[in-house]
Amino acid sequence: MLAVTIVAARWTVLRLSVPMMWSSRLAMGGIALVLMLISEFGFVLWIRGLSIKEYFATRDPVSGAAYYLLLIVFAIMPVFISRA
């Protein structure tokens, strides 16, 4: 997930010519995170037949913590991408 996050953030920032301002890039990452969570909670939970409560209850503590940390990295990664 980390490798895909880096590649996707780099491609998006370069392709869309996102301004170097950290606020613009953080907003872009935040929007991407919201869209990803909507798709996960909407589509994945529907496919698996789980409620949100069951989803969080069935998460492994170690892999769940790593996943949540990577979600934060996903949201802030555009800030760390340069145009060079």
PDB file of N, CA and C in Angstrom:
ATOM      1  N   MET A   1       0.834  -1.188   0.000  1.00  0.00           N
ATOM      2  CA  MET A   1       0.000   0.000   0.000  1.00  0.00           C
ATOM      3  C   MET A   1       0.879   1.252   0.000  1.00  0.00           C
ATOM      4  N   LEU A   2       1.996   1.207   0.701  1.00  0.00           N
ATOM      5  CA  LEU A   2       2.878   2.372   0.747  1.00  0.00           C
ATOM      6  C   LEU A   2       3.464   2.681  -0.632  1.00  0.00           C
ATOM      7  N   ALA A   3       3.896   1.661  -1.345  1.00  0.00           N
ATOM      8  CA  ALA A   3       4.478   1.873  -2.677  1.00  0.00           C
ATOM      9  C   ALA A   3       3.441   2.455  -3.636  1.00  0.00           C
ATOM     10  N   VAL A   4       2.235   1.938  -3.598  1.00  0.00           N
ATOM     11  CA  VAL A   4       1.169   2.451  -4.463  1.00  0.00           C
ATOM     12  C   VAL A   4       0.817   3.883  -4.082  1.00  0.00           C
ATOM     13  N   THR A   5       0.830   4.182  -2.802  1.00  0.00           N
ATOM     14  CA  THR A   5       0.554   5.540  -2.333  1.00  0.00           C
ATOM     15  C   THR A   5       1.581   6.520  -2.879  1.00  0.00           C
ATOM     16  N   ILE A   6       2.837   6.160  -2.825  1.00  0.00           N
ATOM     17  CA  ILE A   6       3.898   7.049  -3.309  1.00  0.00           C
ATOM     18  C   ILE A   6       3.772   7.262  -4.813  1.00  0.00           C
ATOM     19  N   VAL A   7       3.601   6.182  -5.548  1.00  0.00           N
ATOM     20  CA  VAL A   7       3.489   6.280  -7.009  1.00  0.00           C
ATOM     21  C   VAL A   7       2.247   7.082  -7.400  1.00  0.00           C
ATOM     22  N   ALA A   8       1.122   6.811  -6.771  1.00  0.00           N
ATOM     23  CA  ALA A   8      -0.126   7.517  -7.105  1.00  0.00           C
ATOM     24  C   ALA A   8      -0.038   9.000  -6.752  1.00  0.00           C
ATOM     25  N   ALA A   9       0.539   9.320  -5.614  1.00  0.00           N
ATOM     26  CA  ALA A   9       0.666  10.728  -5.222  1.00  0.00           C
ATOM     27  C   ALA A   9       1.589  11.458  -6.195  1.00  0.00           C
ATOM     28  N   ARG A  10       2.682  10.841  -6.548  1.00  0.00           N
ATOM     29  CA  ARG A  10       3.618  11.473  -7.489  1.00  0.00           C
ATOM     30  C   ARG A  10       2.959  11.680  -8.854  1.00  0.00           C
ATOM     31  N   TRP A  11       2.292  10.659  -9.361  1.00  0.00           N
ATOM     32  CA  TRP A  11       1.643  10.771 -10.662  1.00  0.00           C
ATOM     33  C   TRP A  11       0.572  11.863 -10.643  1.00  0.00           C
ATOM     34  N   THR A  12      -0.237  11.899  -9.591  1.00  0.00           N
ATOM     35  CA  THR A  12      -1.334  12.864  -9.505  1.00  0.00           C
ATOM     36  C   THR A  12      -0.817  14.296  -9.391  1.00  0.00           C
ATOM     37  N   VAL A  13       0.172  14.501  -8.526  1.00  0.00           N
ATOM     38  CA  VAL A  13       0.726  15.851  -8.343  1.00  0.00           C
ATOM     39  C   VAL A  13       1.356  16.355  -9.637  1.00  0.00           C
ATOM     40  N   LEU A  14       2.100  15.502 -10.316  1.00  0.00           N
ATOM     41  CA  LEU A  14       2.747  15.921 -11.561  1.00  0.00           C
ATOM     42  C   LEU A  14       1.736  16.075 -12.698  1.00  0.00           C
ATOM     43  N   ARG A  15       0.818  15.165 -12.810  1.00  0.00           N
ATOM     44  CA  ARG A  15      -0.166  15.186 -13.898  1.00  0.00           C
ATOM     45  C   ARG A  15      -1.112  16.378 -13.796  1.00  0.00           C
ATOM     46  N   LEU A  16      -1.543  16.698 -12.581  1.00  0.00           N
ATOM     47  CA  LEU A  16      -2.503  17.782 -12.386  1.00  0.00           C
ATOM     48  C   LEU A  16      -1.845  19.125 -12.084  1.00  0.00           C
ATOM     49  N   SER A  17      -0.514  19.150 -12.032  1.00  0.00           N
ATOM     50  CA  SER A  17       0.242  20.380 -11.728  1.00  0.00           C
ATOM     51  C   SER A  17      -0.288  21.058 -10.472  1.00  0.00           C
ATOM     52  N   VAL A  18      -0.364  20.306  -9.407  1.00  0.00           N
ATOM     53  CA  VAL A  18      -0.856  20.828  -8.134  1.00  0.00           C
ATOM     54  C   VAL A  18       0.153  21.849  -7.602  1.00  0.00           C
ATOM     55  N   PRO A  19      -0.306  23.021  -7.157  1.00  0.00           N
ATOM     56  CA  PRO A  19       0.616  24.044  -6.647  1.00  0.00           C
ATOM     57  C   PRO A  19       1.482  23.511  -5.498  1.00  0.00           C
ATOM     58  N   MET A  20       2.649  24.105  -5.334  1.00  0.00           N
ATOM     59  CA  MET A  20       3.591  23.669  -4.305  1.00  0.00           C
ATOM     60  C   MET A  20       3.125  24.021  -2.885  1.00  0.00           C
ATOM     61  N   MET A  21       2.065  24.792  -2.747  1.00  0.00           N
ATOM     62  CA  MET A  21       1.578  25.172  -1.423  1.00  0.00           C
ATOM     63  C   MET A  21       1.128  23.923  -0.663  1.00  0.00           C
ATOM     64  N   TRP A  22       1.592  23.790   0.572  1.00  0.00           N
ATOM     65  CA  TRP A  22       1.263  22.591   1.357  1.00  0.00           C
ATOM     66  C   TRP A  22      -0.229  22.490   1.608  1.00  0.00           C
ATOM     67  N   SER A  23      -0.918  23.632   1.721  1.00  0.00           N
ATOM     68  CA  SER A  23      -2.361  23.586   1.996  1.00  0.00           C
ATOM     69  C   SER A  23      -3.129  22.975   0.816  1.00  0.00           C
ATOM     70  N   SER A  24      -2.731  23.304  -0.402  1.00  0.00           N
ATOM     71  CA  SER A  24      -3.384  22.734  -1.580  1.00  0.00           C
ATOM     72  C   SER A  24      -3.164  21.228  -1.653  1.00  0.00           C
ATOM     73  N   ARG A  25      -1.945  20.823  -1.367  1.00  0.00           N
ATOM     74  CA  ARG A  25      -1.620  19.400  -1.449  1.00  0.00           C
ATOM     75  C   ARG A  25      -2.250  18.613  -0.303  1.00  0.00           C
ATOM     76  N   LEU A  26      -2.314  19.211   0.862  1.00  0.00           N
ATOM     77  CA  LEU A  26      -2.961  18.537   1.990  1.00  0.00           C
ATOM     78  C   LEU A  26      -4.463  18.416   1.746  1.00  0.00           C
ATOM     79  N   ALA A  27      -5.050  19.436   1.150  1.00  0.00           N
ATOM     80  CA  ALA A  27      -6.476  19.371   0.808  1.00  0.00           C
ATOM     81  C   ALA A  27      -6.723  18.276  -0.221  1.00  0.00           C
ATOM     82  N   MET A  28      -5.829  18.160  -1.211  1.00  0.00           N
ATOM     83  CA  MET A  28      -5.961  17.110  -2.204  1.00  0.00           C
ATOM     84  C   MET A  28      -5.878  15.733  -1.547  1.00  0.00           C
ATOM     85  N   GLY A  29      -4.923  15.550  -0.647  1.00  0.00           N
ATOM     86  CA  GLY A  29      -4.786  14.279   0.060  1.00  0.00           C
ATOM     87  C   GLY A  29      -5.993  13.977   0.933  1.00  0.00           C
ATOM     88  N   GLY A  30      -6.531  15.008   1.574  1.00  0.00           N
ATOM     89  CA  GLY A  30      -7.717  14.822   2.407  1.00  0.00           C
ATOM     90  C   GLY A  30      -8.933  14.408   1.601  1.00  0.00           C
ATOM     91  N   ILE A  31      -9.097  15.026   0.433  1.00  0.00           N
ATOM     92  CA  ILE A  31     -10.209  14.660  -0.442  1.00  0.00           C
ATOM     93  C   ILE A  31     -10.045  13.217  -0.925  1.00  0.00           C
ATOM     94  N   ALA A  32      -8.816  12.856  -1.291  1.00  0.00           N
ATOM     95  CA  ALA A  32      -8.555  11.485  -1.741  1.00  0.00           C
ATOM     96  C   ALA A  32      -8.851  10.488  -0.627  1.00  0.00           C
ATOM     97  N   LEU A  33      -8.477  10.831   0.607  1.00  0.00           N
ATOM     98  CA  LEU A  33      -8.743   9.949   1.743  1.00  0.00           C
ATOM     99  C   LEU A  33     -10.242   9.778   1.971  1.00  0.00           C
ATOM    100  N   VAL A  34     -10.981  10.865   1.924  1.00  0.00           N
ATOM    101  CA  VAL A  34     -12.432  10.790   2.112  1.00  0.00           C
ATOM    102  C   VAL A  34     -13.073   9.921   1.034  1.00  0.00           C
ATOM    103  N   LEU A  35     -12.659  10.115  -0.218  1.00  0.00           N
ATOM    104  CA  LEU A  35     -13.218   9.310  -1.307  1.00  0.00           C
ATOM    105  C   LEU A  35     -12.874   7.828  -1.147  1.00  0.00           C
ATOM    106  N   MET A  36     -11.647   7.547  -0.704  1.00  0.00           N
ATOM    107  CA  MET A  36     -11.258   6.159  -0.510  1.00  0.00           C
ATOM    108  C   MET A  36     -12.056   5.516   0.630  1.00  0.00           C
ATOM    109  N   LEU A  37     -12.251   6.250   1.723  1.00  0.00           N
ATOM    110  CA  LEU A  37     -13.010   5.698   2.849  1.00  0.00           C
ATOM    111  C   LEU A  37     -14.482   5.506   2.491  1.00  0.00           C
ATOM    112  N   ILE A  38     -15.029   6.420   1.715  1.00  0.00           N
ATOM    113  CA  ILE A  38     -16.415   6.254   1.266  1.00  0.00           C
ATOM    114  C   ILE A  38     -16.550   4.991   0.432  1.00  0.00           C
ATOM    115  N   SER A  39     -15.600   4.798  -0.477  1.00  0.00           N
ATOM    116  CA  SER A  39     -15.680   3.593  -1.303  1.00  0.00           C
ATOM    117  C   SER A  39     -15.470   2.342  -0.472  1.00  0.00           C
ATOM    118  N   GLU A  40     -14.561   2.387   0.483  1.00  0.00           N
ATOM    119  CA  GLU A  40     -14.329   1.201   1.314  1.00  0.00           C
ATOM    120  C   GLU A  40     -15.531   0.891   2.191  1.00  0.00           C
ATOM    121  N   PHE A  41     -16.023   1.885   2.898  1.00  0.00           N
ATOM    122  CA  PHE A  41     -17.152   1.633   3.787  1.00  0.00           C
ATOM    123  C   PHE A  41     -18.420   1.329   3.014  1.00  0.00           C
ATOM    124  N   GLY A  42     -18.566   1.912   1.849  1.00  0.00           N
ATOM    125  CA  GLY A  42     -19.768   1.657   1.067  1.00  0.00           C
ATOM    126  C   GLY A  42     -19.723   0.350   0.306  1.00  0.00           C
ATOM    127  N   PHE A  43     -18.683   0.162  -0.472  1.00  0.00           N
ATOM    128  CA  PHE A  43     -18.622  -0.996  -1.364  1.00  0.00           C
ATOM    129  C   PHE A  43     -18.113  -2.249  -0.654  1.00  0.00           C
ATOM    130  N   VAL A  44     -16.996  -2.141   0.034  1.00  0.00           N
ATOM    131  CA  VAL A  44     -16.389  -3.325   0.656  1.00  0.00           C
ATOM    132  C   VAL A  44     -17.277  -3.885   1.762  1.00  0.00           C
ATOM    133  N   LEU A  45     -17.838  -3.031   2.570  1.00  0.00           N
ATOM    134  CA  LEU A  45     -18.711  -3.524   3.636  1.00  0.00           C
ATOM    135  C   LEU A  45     -19.958  -4.173   3.053  1.00  0.00           C
ATOM    136  N   TRP A  46     -20.454  -3.634   1.957  1.00  0.00           N
ATOM    137  CA  TRP A  46     -21.625  -4.214   1.304  1.00  0.00           C
ATOM    138  C   TRP A  46     -21.279  -5.593   0.741  1.00  0.00           C
ATOM    139  N   ILE A  47     -20.122  -5.707   0.093  1.00  0.00           N
ATOM    140  CA  ILE A  47     -19.695  -6.995  -0.486  1.00  0.00           C
ATOM    141  C   ILE A  47     -19.506  -8.039   0.614  1.00  0.00           C
ATOM    142  N   ARG A  48     -18.874  -7.639   1.718  1.00  0.00           N
ATOM    143  CA  ARG A  48     -18.600  -8.587   2.804  1.00  0.00           C
ATOM    144  C   ARG A  48     -19.801  -8.797   3.713  1.00  0.00           C
ATOM    145  N   GLY A  49     -20.811  -7.967   3.583  1.00  0.00           N
ATOM    146  CA  GLY A  49     -22.008  -8.113   4.402  1.00  0.00           C
ATOM    147  C   GLY A  49     -21.793  -7.744   5.861  1.00  0.00           C
ATOM    148  N   LEU A  50     -20.954  -6.740   6.110  1.00  0.00           N
ATOM    149  CA  LEU A  50     -20.651  -6.317   7.472  1.00  0.00           C
ATOM    150  C   LEU A  50     -21.212  -4.932   7.753  1.00  0.00           C
ATOM    151  N   SER A  51     -21.450  -4.666   9.027  1.00  0.00           N
ATOM    152  CA  SER A  51     -21.747  -3.299   9.445  1.00  0.00           C
ATOM    153  C   SER A  51     -20.411  -2.634   9.793  1.00  0.00           C
ATOM    154  N   ILE A  52     -20.428  -1.329   9.958  1.00  0.00           N
ATOM    155  CA  ILE A  52     -19.191  -0.628  10.323  1.00  0.00           C
ATOM    156  C   ILE A  52     -18.687  -1.112  11.674  1.00  0.00           C
ATOM    157  N   LYS A  53     -19.607  -1.355  12.599  1.00  0.00           N
ATOM    158  CA  LYS A  53     -19.223  -1.844  13.924  1.00  0.00           C
ATOM    159  C   LYS A  53     -18.528  -3.209  13.813  1.00  0.00           C
ATOM    160  N   GLU A  54     -19.083  -4.105  13.007  1.00  0.00           N
ATOM    161  CA  GLU A  54     -18.470  -5.426  12.811  1.00  0.00           C
ATOM    162  C   GLU A  54     -17.120  -5.311  12.107  1.00  0.00           C
ATOM    163  N   TYR A  55     -17.026  -4.388  11.177  1.00  0.00           N
ATOM    164  CA  TYR A  55     -15.777  -4.172  10.443  1.00  0.00           C
ATOM    165  C   TYR A  55     -14.644  -3.820  11.395  1.00  0.00           C
ATOM    166  N   PHE A  56     -14.888  -2.868  12.291  1.00  0.00           N
ATOM    167  CA  PHE A  56     -13.848  -2.466  13.241  1.00  0.00           C
ATOM    168  C   PHE A  56     -13.590  -3.546  14.291  1.00  0.00           C
ATOM    169  N   ALA A  57     -14.614  -4.308  14.657  1.00  0.00           N
ATOM    170  CA  ALA A  57     -14.450  -5.366  15.653  1.00  0.00           C
ATOM    171  C   ALA A  57     -13.623  -6.532  15.119  1.00  0.00           C
ATOM    172  N   THR A  58     -13.676  -6.768  13.810  1.00  0.00           N
ATOM    173  CA  THR A  58     -12.942  -7.897  13.235  1.00  0.00           C
ATOM    174  C   THR A  58     -11.535  -7.530  12.788  1.00  0.00           C
ATOM    175  N   ARG A  59     -11.130  -6.281  12.939  1.00  0.00           N
ATOM    176  CA  ARG A  59      -9.783  -5.857  12.556  1.00  0.00           C
ATOM    177  C   ARG A  59      -8.754  -6.421  13.525  1.00  0.00           C
ATOM    178  N   ASP A  60      -7.683  -6.975  12.979  1.00  0.00           N
ATOM    179  CA  ASP A  60      -6.548  -7.417  13.792  1.00  0.00           C
ATOM    180  C   ASP A  60      -5.856  -6.173  14.359  1.00  0.00           C
ATOM    181  N   PRO A  61      -5.476  -6.173  15.645  1.00  0.00           N
ATOM    182  CA  PRO A  61      -4.871  -4.969  16.230  1.00  0.00           C
ATOM    183  C   PRO A  61      -3.584  -4.512  15.527  1.00  0.00           C
ATOM    184  N   VAL A  62      -2.734  -5.437  15.143  1.00  0.00           N
ATOM    185  CA  VAL A  62      -1.457  -5.055  14.530  1.00  0.00           C
ATOM    186  C   VAL A  62      -1.662  -4.599  13.087  1.00  0.00           C
ATOM    187  N   SER A  63      -2.321  -5.416  12.294  1.00  0.00           N
ATOM    188  CA  SER A  63      -2.528  -5.024  10.901  1.00  0.00           C
ATOM    189  C   SER A  63      -3.484  -3.831  10.800  1.00  0.00           C
ATOM    190  N   GLY A  64      -4.422  -3.737  11.714  1.00  0.00           N
ATOM    191  CA  GLY A  64      -5.327  -2.587  11.739  1.00  0.00           C
ATOM    192  C   GLY A  64      -4.578  -1.298  12.020  1.00  0.00           C
ATOM    193  N   ALA A  65      -3.665  -1.333  12.978  1.00  0.00           N
ATOM    194  CA  ALA A  65      -2.876  -0.137  13.303  1.00  0.00           C
ATOM    195  C   ALA A  65      -1.997   0.262  12.120  1.00  0.00           C
ATOM    196  N   ALA A  66      -1.392  -0.719  11.464  1.00  0.00           N
ATOM    197  CA  ALA A  66      -0.570  -0.427  10.287  1.00  0.00           C
ATOM    198  C   ALA A  66      -1.425   0.166   9.175  1.00  0.00           C
ATOM    199  N   TYR A  67      -2.613  -0.360   8.986  1.00  0.00           N
ATOM    200  CA  TYR A  67      -3.520   0.143   7.956  1.00  0.00           C
ATOM    201  C   TYR A  67      -3.921   1.586   8.244  1.00  0.00           C
ATOM    202  N   TYR A  68      -4.266   1.892   9.478  1.00  0.00           N
ATOM    203  CA  TYR A  68      -4.681   3.256   9.824  1.00  0.00           C
ATOM    204  C   TYR A  68      -3.511   4.233   9.682  1.00  0.00           C
ATOM    205  N   LEU A  69      -2.307   3.794  10.030  1.00  0.00           N
ATOM    206  CA  LEU A  69      -1.124   4.630   9.846  1.00  0.00           C
ATOM    207  C   LEU A  69      -0.900   4.906   8.356  1.00  0.00           C
ATOM    208  N   LEU A  70      -1.075   3.894   7.527  1.00  0.00           N
ATOM    209  CA  LEU A  70      -0.908   4.090   6.094  1.00  0.00           C
ATOM    210  C   LEU A  70      -2.003   4.978   5.499  1.00  0.00           C
ATOM    211  N   LEU A  71      -3.168   4.986   6.095  1.00  0.00           N
ATOM    212  CA  LEU A  71      -4.204   5.918   5.642  1.00  0.00           C
ATOM    213  C   LEU A  71      -3.779   7.360   5.894  1.00  0.00           C
ATOM    214  N   ILE A  72      -3.138   7.605   7.031  1.00  0.00           N
ATOM    215  CA  ILE A  72      -2.636   8.947   7.336  1.00  0.00           C
ATOM    216  C   ILE A  72      -1.532   9.321   6.357  1.00  0.00           C
ATOM    217  N   VAL A  73      -0.628   8.379   6.098  1.00  0.00           N
ATOM    218  CA  VAL A  73       0.440   8.608   5.120  1.00  0.00           C
ATOM    219  C   VAL A  73      -0.159   8.893   3.744  1.00  0.00           C
ATOM    220  N   PHE A  74      -1.195   8.164   3.372  1.00  0.00           N
ATOM    221  CA  PHE A  74      -1.889   8.367   2.099  1.00  0.00           C
ATOM    222  C   PHE A  74      -2.393   9.807   1.985  1.00  0.00           C
ATOM    223  N   ALA A  75      -2.942  10.339   3.064  1.00  0.00           N
ATOM    224  CA  ALA A  75      -3.510  11.690   3.028  1.00  0.00           C
ATOM    225  C   ALA A  75      -2.432  12.775   2.956  1.00  0.00           C
ATOM    226  N   ILE A  76      -1.279  12.550   3.583  1.00  0.00           N
ATOM    227  CA  ILE A  76      -0.254  13.604   3.609  1.00  0.00           C
ATOM    228  C   ILE A  76       0.839  13.430   2.555  1.00  0.00           C
ATOM    229  N   MET A  77       0.853  12.333   1.838  1.00  0.00           N
ATOM    230  CA  MET A  77       1.913  12.074   0.857  1.00  0.00           C
ATOM    231  C   MET A  77       2.039  13.155  -0.212  1.00  0.00           C
ATOM    232  N   PRO A  78       0.958  13.745  -0.734  1.00  0.00           N
ATOM    233  CA  PRO A  78       1.143  14.790  -1.757  1.00  0.00           C
ATOM    234  C   PRO A  78       1.984  15.974  -1.276  1.00  0.00           C
ATOM    235  N   VAL A  79       2.009  16.224   0.018  1.00  0.00           N
ATOM    236  CA  VAL A  79       2.806  17.324   0.555  1.00  0.00           C
ATOM    237  C   VAL A  79       4.295  17.062   0.341  1.00  0.00           C
ATOM    238  N   PHE A  80       4.706  15.806   0.372  1.00  0.00           N
ATOM    239  CA  PHE A  80       6.119  15.459   0.306  1.00  0.00           C
ATOM    240  C   PHE A  80       6.622  15.212  -1.123  1.00  0.00           C
ATOM    241  N   ILE A  81       5.764  15.310  -2.114  1.00  0.00           N
ATOM    242  CA  ILE A  81       6.160  15.082  -3.500  1.00  0.00           C
ATOM    243  C   ILE A  81       6.609  16.404  -4.114  1.00  0.00           C
ATOM    244  N   SER A  82       7.772  16.374  -4.756  1.00  0.00           N
ATOM    245  CA  SER A  82       8.245  17.591  -5.429  1.00  0.00           C
ATOM    246  C   SER A  82       8.067  17.446  -6.929  1.00  0.00           C
ATOM    247  N   ARG A  83       8.161  18.544  -7.637  1.00  0.00           N
ATOM    248  CA  ARG A  83       7.981  18.529  -9.094  1.00  0.00           C
ATOM    249  C   ARG A  83       9.258  18.137  -9.816  1.00  0.00           C
ATOM    250  N   ALA A  84      10.346  18.098  -9.134  1.00  0.00           N
ATOM    251  CA  ALA A  84      11.635  17.829  -9.798  1.00  0.00           C
ATOM    252  C   ALA A  84      11.716  16.405 -10.310  1.00  0.00           C
TER     253      ALA A  84
END
